[in-house]
């Protein structure tokens, strides 16, 4: 299993547009690609440091997106496809940068 996570810095006032884009662009396009398993979009409500200090994040609109693919090759087939281009262009209009990471699943239940 290959897991792709990204945390975009959504521009203020563009949160609704981003959430709509996720549901109406990302998911349908990903579902059309072989090897796509599932995805979820997370909005941070709070964060806690190692000292136990909790910060309310509900007003900050911090997101993390998680997508599960059968393999890294399946993800790359999507990433380098023509169908990825409109998503990337749309995201760039809503975000001031984004950090993406790819993970290999090493333990599952």
N, C-alpha and C. Protein backbone atom coordinates (compact mmCIF):
# COMPACT_ATOMS: atom_id res chain seq x y z
N UNK A 1 0.84 -1.18 0.00
CA UNK A 1 0.00 0.00 0.00
C UNK A 1 0.89 1.24 0.00
N UNK A 2 0.55 2.19 -0.84
CA UNK A 2 1.26 3.46 -0.91
C UNK A 2 0.30 4.53 -0.41
N UNK A 3 0.79 5.39 0.48
CA UNK A 3 -0.04 6.44 1.06
C UNK A 3 0.57 7.79 0.68
N UNK A 4 -0.24 8.63 0.09
CA UNK A 4 0.21 9.97 -0.31
C UNK A 4 -0.51 10.97 0.58
N UNK A 5 0.28 11.81 1.25
CA UNK A 5 -0.29 12.84 2.13
C UNK A 5 0.19 14.19 1.64
N UNK A 6 -0.72 15.17 1.69
CA UNK A 6 -0.27 16.52 1.41
C UNK A 6 -1.02 17.51 2.27
N UNK A 7 -0.32 18.58 2.60
CA UNK A 7 -0.86 19.63 3.47
C UNK A 7 -0.73 20.96 2.75
N UNK A 8 -1.79 21.38 2.07
CA UNK A 8 -1.74 22.65 1.36
C UNK A 8 -1.95 23.83 2.30
N UNK A 9 -1.33 24.94 1.98
CA UNK A 9 -1.54 26.19 2.71
C UNK A 9 -2.64 26.96 1.97
N UNK A 10 -3.88 26.68 2.32
CA UNK A 10 -5.01 27.29 1.61
C UNK A 10 -5.08 28.77 1.95
N UNK A 11 -5.28 29.57 0.92
CA UNK A 11 -5.37 31.02 1.09
C UNK A 11 -6.63 31.38 1.89
N UNK A 12 -6.55 32.39 2.73
CA UNK A 12 -7.73 32.82 3.50
C UNK A 12 -8.90 33.12 2.57
N UNK A 13 -10.06 32.63 2.95
CA UNK A 13 -11.26 32.84 2.16
C UNK A 13 -11.47 31.82 1.05
N UNK A 14 -10.50 30.94 0.84
CA UNK A 14 -10.58 29.94 -0.24
C UNK A 14 -10.88 28.54 0.30
N UNK A 15 -11.17 28.42 1.59
CA UNK A 15 -11.38 27.11 2.20
C UNK A 15 -12.55 26.37 1.57
N UNK A 16 -13.67 27.05 1.39
CA UNK A 16 -14.84 26.39 0.80
C UNK A 16 -14.54 25.93 -0.63
N UNK A 17 -13.86 26.77 -1.39
CA UNK A 17 -13.48 26.40 -2.76
C UNK A 17 -12.59 25.16 -2.77
N UNK A 18 -11.66 25.09 -1.82
CA UNK A 18 -10.77 23.93 -1.74
C UNK A 18 -11.56 22.66 -1.38
N UNK A 19 -12.43 22.75 -0.39
CA UNK A 19 -13.22 21.58 0.00
C UNK A 19 -14.12 21.11 -1.14
N UNK A 20 -14.69 22.05 -1.88
CA UNK A 20 -15.52 21.70 -3.04
C UNK A 20 -14.68 21.06 -4.12
N UNK A 21 -13.50 21.62 -4.38
CA UNK A 21 -12.60 21.05 -5.39
C UNK A 21 -12.22 19.62 -5.02
N UNK A 22 -11.96 19.39 -3.76
CA UNK A 22 -11.60 18.05 -3.29
C UNK A 22 -12.70 17.05 -3.65
N UNK A 23 -13.93 17.41 -3.33
CA UNK A 23 -15.05 16.50 -3.56
C UNK A 23 -15.41 16.36 -5.03
N UNK A 24 -15.30 17.44 -5.78
CA UNK A 24 -15.78 17.44 -7.16
C UNK A 24 -14.70 17.18 -8.20
N UNK A 25 -13.43 17.37 -7.87
CA UNK A 25 -12.36 17.13 -8.84
C UNK A 25 -11.47 15.96 -8.42
N UNK A 26 -10.85 16.08 -7.26
CA UNK A 26 -9.91 15.05 -6.84
C UNK A 26 -10.53 13.66 -6.84
N UNK A 27 -11.59 13.49 -6.07
CA UNK A 27 -12.15 12.15 -5.89
C UNK A 27 -12.61 11.53 -7.20
N UNK A 28 -13.41 12.20 -8.03
CA UNK A 28 -13.81 11.57 -9.29
C UNK A 28 -12.63 11.21 -10.20
N UNK A 29 -11.64 12.09 -10.27
CA UNK A 29 -10.49 11.80 -11.13
C UNK A 29 -9.69 10.63 -10.56
N UNK A 30 -9.45 10.65 -9.25
CA UNK A 30 -8.70 9.53 -8.66
C UNK A 30 -9.44 8.21 -8.85
N UNK A 31 -10.75 8.22 -8.68
CA UNK A 31 -11.53 6.99 -8.83
C UNK A 31 -11.42 6.42 -10.24
N UNK A 32 -11.15 7.26 -11.20
CA UNK A 32 -11.03 6.79 -12.59
C UNK A 32 -9.69 6.13 -12.87
N UNK A 33 -8.75 6.22 -11.93
CA UNK A 33 -7.42 5.66 -12.14
C UNK A 33 -7.29 4.31 -11.44
N UNK A 34 -6.75 3.36 -12.18
CA UNK A 34 -6.51 2.03 -11.63
C UNK A 34 -5.50 2.12 -10.48
N UNK A 35 -5.80 1.42 -9.42
CA UNK A 35 -4.91 1.39 -8.27
C UNK A 35 -5.29 2.34 -7.16
N UNK A 36 -6.26 3.24 -7.41
CA UNK A 36 -6.73 4.13 -6.35
C UNK A 36 -7.58 3.32 -5.39
N UNK A 37 -7.36 3.50 -4.09
CA UNK A 37 -8.11 2.75 -3.07
C UNK A 37 -9.12 3.65 -2.38
N UNK A 38 -8.65 4.71 -1.74
CA UNK A 38 -9.55 5.62 -1.04
C UNK A 38 -8.80 6.88 -0.66
N UNK A 39 -9.55 7.88 -0.19
CA UNK A 39 -8.93 9.13 0.23
C UNK A 39 -9.82 9.82 1.25
N UNK A 40 -9.20 10.68 2.03
CA UNK A 40 -9.94 11.49 2.98
C UNK A 40 -9.28 12.85 3.12
N UNK A 41 -10.09 13.85 3.37
CA UNK A 41 -9.60 15.20 3.60
C UNK A 41 -9.85 15.54 5.06
N UNK A 42 -8.80 15.92 5.76
CA UNK A 42 -8.89 16.21 7.18
C UNK A 42 -8.71 17.71 7.43
N UNK A 43 -9.54 18.26 8.30
CA UNK A 43 -9.39 19.66 8.73
C UNK A 43 -9.00 19.63 10.20
N UNK A 44 -7.88 20.23 10.53
CA UNK A 44 -7.34 20.20 11.89
C UNK A 44 -8.22 21.00 12.85
N UNK A 45 -8.55 20.39 13.97
CA UNK A 45 -9.32 21.06 15.01
C UNK A 45 -8.45 21.52 16.17
N UNK A 46 -7.41 20.74 16.46
CA UNK A 46 -6.48 21.10 17.53
C UNK A 46 -5.16 20.40 17.28
N UNK A 47 -4.13 20.94 17.90
CA UNK A 47 -2.84 20.26 17.87
C UNK A 47 -2.27 20.27 19.28
N UNK A 48 -1.48 19.23 19.58
CA UNK A 48 -0.92 19.08 20.91
C UNK A 48 0.57 18.81 20.79
N UNK A 49 1.36 19.52 21.58
CA UNK A 49 2.80 19.28 21.55
C UNK A 49 3.17 18.20 22.56
N UNK A 50 4.44 17.85 22.62
CA UNK A 50 4.88 16.77 23.50
C UNK A 50 4.73 17.09 24.98
N UNK A 51 4.59 18.35 25.31
CA UNK A 51 4.37 18.75 26.70
C UNK A 51 2.90 18.74 27.07
N UNK A 52 2.06 18.39 26.14
CA UNK A 52 0.62 18.32 26.40
C UNK A 52 -0.11 19.63 26.18
N UNK A 53 0.56 20.64 25.66
CA UNK A 53 -0.09 21.92 25.39
C UNK A 53 -0.94 21.79 24.14
N UNK A 54 -2.22 22.07 24.29
CA UNK A 54 -3.17 21.95 23.19
C UNK A 54 -3.47 23.33 22.63
N UNK A 55 -3.42 23.45 21.31
CA UNK A 55 -3.75 24.70 20.63
C UNK A 55 -5.00 24.48 19.80
N UNK A 56 -6.00 25.34 19.98
CA UNK A 56 -7.22 25.27 19.17
C UNK A 56 -6.88 25.70 17.76
N UNK A 57 -7.12 24.84 16.79
CA UNK A 57 -6.81 25.11 15.39
C UNK A 57 -8.06 25.30 14.55
N UNK A 58 -9.24 25.24 15.16
CA UNK A 58 -10.48 25.23 14.40
C UNK A 58 -10.66 26.47 13.53
N UNK A 59 -10.09 27.59 13.90
CA UNK A 59 -10.23 28.80 13.09
C UNK A 59 -9.14 28.97 12.05
N UNK A 60 -8.15 28.10 12.05
CA UNK A 60 -7.00 28.27 11.16
C UNK A 60 -7.15 27.57 9.81
N UNK A 61 -8.08 26.65 9.69
CA UNK A 61 -8.34 25.96 8.42
C UNK A 61 -7.11 25.26 7.88
N UNK A 62 -6.45 24.50 8.73
CA UNK A 62 -5.29 23.71 8.33
C UNK A 62 -5.80 22.34 7.84
N UNK A 63 -5.35 21.92 6.67
CA UNK A 63 -5.81 20.67 6.07
C UNK A 63 -4.68 19.68 5.87
N UNK A 64 -5.03 18.41 5.91
CA UNK A 64 -4.16 17.34 5.45
C UNK A 64 -5.02 16.38 4.64
N UNK A 65 -4.55 16.07 3.47
CA UNK A 65 -5.24 15.12 2.60
C UNK A 65 -4.46 13.82 2.59
N UNK A 66 -5.18 12.71 2.65
CA UNK A 66 -4.56 11.39 2.68
C UNK A 66 -5.20 10.54 1.58
N UNK A 67 -4.38 10.00 0.70
CA UNK A 67 -4.87 9.14 -0.38
C UNK A 67 -4.14 7.81 -0.34
N UNK A 68 -4.89 6.74 -0.48
CA UNK A 68 -4.35 5.39 -0.45
C UNK A 68 -4.38 4.81 -1.87
N UNK A 69 -3.24 4.28 -2.28
CA UNK A 69 -3.08 3.67 -3.60
C UNK A 69 -2.54 2.26 -3.40
N UNK A 70 -2.84 1.39 -4.34
CA UNK A 70 -2.35 0.01 -4.24
C UNK A 70 -0.83 -0.06 -4.28
N UNK A 71 -0.22 0.89 -5.00
CA UNK A 71 1.25 0.89 -5.12
C UNK A 71 1.73 2.29 -5.48
N UNK A 72 3.01 2.52 -5.30
CA UNK A 72 3.60 3.79 -5.72
C UNK A 72 3.51 3.96 -7.23
N UNK A 73 3.66 2.87 -7.97
CA UNK A 73 3.54 2.93 -9.42
C UNK A 73 2.14 3.38 -9.85
N UNK A 74 1.11 2.91 -9.14
CA UNK A 74 -0.27 3.33 -9.46
C UNK A 74 -0.42 4.82 -9.24
N UNK A 75 0.14 5.32 -8.13
CA UNK A 75 0.06 6.76 -7.89
C UNK A 75 0.81 7.53 -8.97
N UNK A 76 2.01 7.09 -9.32
CA UNK A 76 2.79 7.79 -10.34
C UNK A 76 2.10 7.80 -11.69
N UNK A 77 1.37 6.72 -12.01
CA UNK A 77 0.61 6.69 -13.26
C UNK A 77 -0.41 7.82 -13.27
N UNK A 78 -1.06 8.06 -12.12
CA UNK A 78 -1.98 9.19 -12.03
C UNK A 78 -1.21 10.51 -12.09
N UNK A 79 -0.17 10.64 -11.27
CA UNK A 79 0.57 11.90 -11.13
C UNK A 79 1.08 12.43 -12.47
N UNK A 80 1.51 11.54 -13.33
CA UNK A 80 2.07 11.96 -14.61
C UNK A 80 1.06 11.89 -15.75
N UNK A 81 -0.20 11.69 -15.41
CA UNK A 81 -1.25 11.62 -16.44
C UNK A 81 -1.77 13.03 -16.77
N UNK A 82 -2.45 13.12 -17.89
CA UNK A 82 -3.06 14.40 -18.27
C UNK A 82 -4.16 14.82 -17.31
N UNK A 83 -4.80 13.87 -16.66
CA UNK A 83 -5.91 14.22 -15.77
C UNK A 83 -5.43 14.89 -14.49
N UNK A 84 -4.14 14.80 -14.16
CA UNK A 84 -3.62 15.46 -12.96
C UNK A 84 -3.40 16.96 -13.19
N UNK A 85 -3.21 17.36 -14.42
CA UNK A 85 -2.86 18.76 -14.71
C UNK A 85 -3.92 19.76 -14.26
N UNK A 86 -5.22 19.54 -14.53
CA UNK A 86 -6.20 20.54 -14.09
C UNK A 86 -6.30 20.64 -12.57
N UNK A 87 -6.09 19.54 -11.88
CA UNK A 87 -6.13 19.56 -10.41
C UNK A 87 -4.97 20.40 -9.88
N UNK A 88 -3.79 20.19 -10.41
CA UNK A 88 -2.62 20.95 -9.97
C UNK A 88 -2.80 22.43 -10.23
N UNK A 89 -3.31 22.77 -11.40
CA UNK A 89 -3.53 24.18 -11.74
C UNK A 89 -4.55 24.81 -10.81
N UNK A 90 -5.63 24.10 -10.52
CA UNK A 90 -6.68 24.63 -9.63
C UNK A 90 -6.14 24.79 -8.21
N UNK A 91 -5.38 23.82 -7.73
CA UNK A 91 -4.82 23.90 -6.38
C UNK A 91 -3.90 25.11 -6.26
N UNK A 92 -3.11 25.37 -7.27
CA UNK A 92 -2.19 26.52 -7.23
C UNK A 92 -2.94 27.83 -7.10
N UNK A 93 -4.18 27.89 -7.60
CA UNK A 93 -4.96 29.12 -7.49
C UNK A 93 -5.59 29.29 -6.10
N UNK A 94 -5.59 28.22 -5.30
CA UNK A 94 -6.22 28.25 -3.98
C UNK A 94 -5.22 28.20 -2.83
N UNK A 95 -3.97 27.87 -3.13
CA UNK A 95 -3.01 27.63 -2.07
C UNK A 95 -1.73 28.43 -2.27
N UNK A 96 -1.10 28.73 -1.16
CA UNK A 96 0.21 29.36 -1.16
C UNK A 96 1.21 28.29 -0.73
N UNK A 97 1.44 27.36 -1.61
CA UNK A 97 2.36 26.27 -1.33
C UNK A 97 1.67 25.04 -0.78
N UNK A 98 2.38 23.94 -0.85
CA UNK A 98 1.86 22.66 -0.38
C UNK A 98 3.03 21.73 -0.14
N UNK A 99 2.92 20.92 0.89
CA UNK A 99 3.93 19.92 1.17
C UNK A 99 3.30 18.55 0.94
N UNK A 100 3.93 17.74 0.09
CA UNK A 100 3.42 16.40 -0.19
C UNK A 100 4.46 15.37 0.23
N UNK A 101 3.96 14.26 0.74
CA UNK A 101 4.86 13.18 1.17
C UNK A 101 4.27 11.85 0.74
N UNK A 102 5.14 10.93 0.36
CA UNK A 102 4.72 9.57 0.01
C UNK A 102 5.21 8.59 1.06
N UNK A 103 4.36 7.66 1.44
CA UNK A 103 4.68 6.70 2.48
C UNK A 103 4.42 5.28 2.00
N UNK A 104 5.21 4.37 2.46
CA UNK A 104 4.97 2.96 2.28
C UNK A 104 4.32 2.44 3.58
N UNK A 105 3.26 1.72 3.44
CA UNK A 105 2.60 1.15 4.62
C UNK A 105 3.43 -0.03 5.11
N UNK A 106 3.86 0.00 6.36
CA UNK A 106 4.69 -1.07 6.91
C UNK A 106 3.97 -1.89 7.97
N UNK A 107 2.82 -1.43 8.44
CA UNK A 107 2.03 -2.17 9.41
C UNK A 107 0.56 -1.79 9.25
N UNK A 108 -0.28 -2.78 9.11
CA UNK A 108 -1.72 -2.54 8.96
C UNK A 108 -2.47 -3.49 9.85
N UNK A 109 -3.69 -3.12 10.19
CA UNK A 109 -4.57 -4.01 10.96
C UNK A 109 -5.71 -4.42 10.09
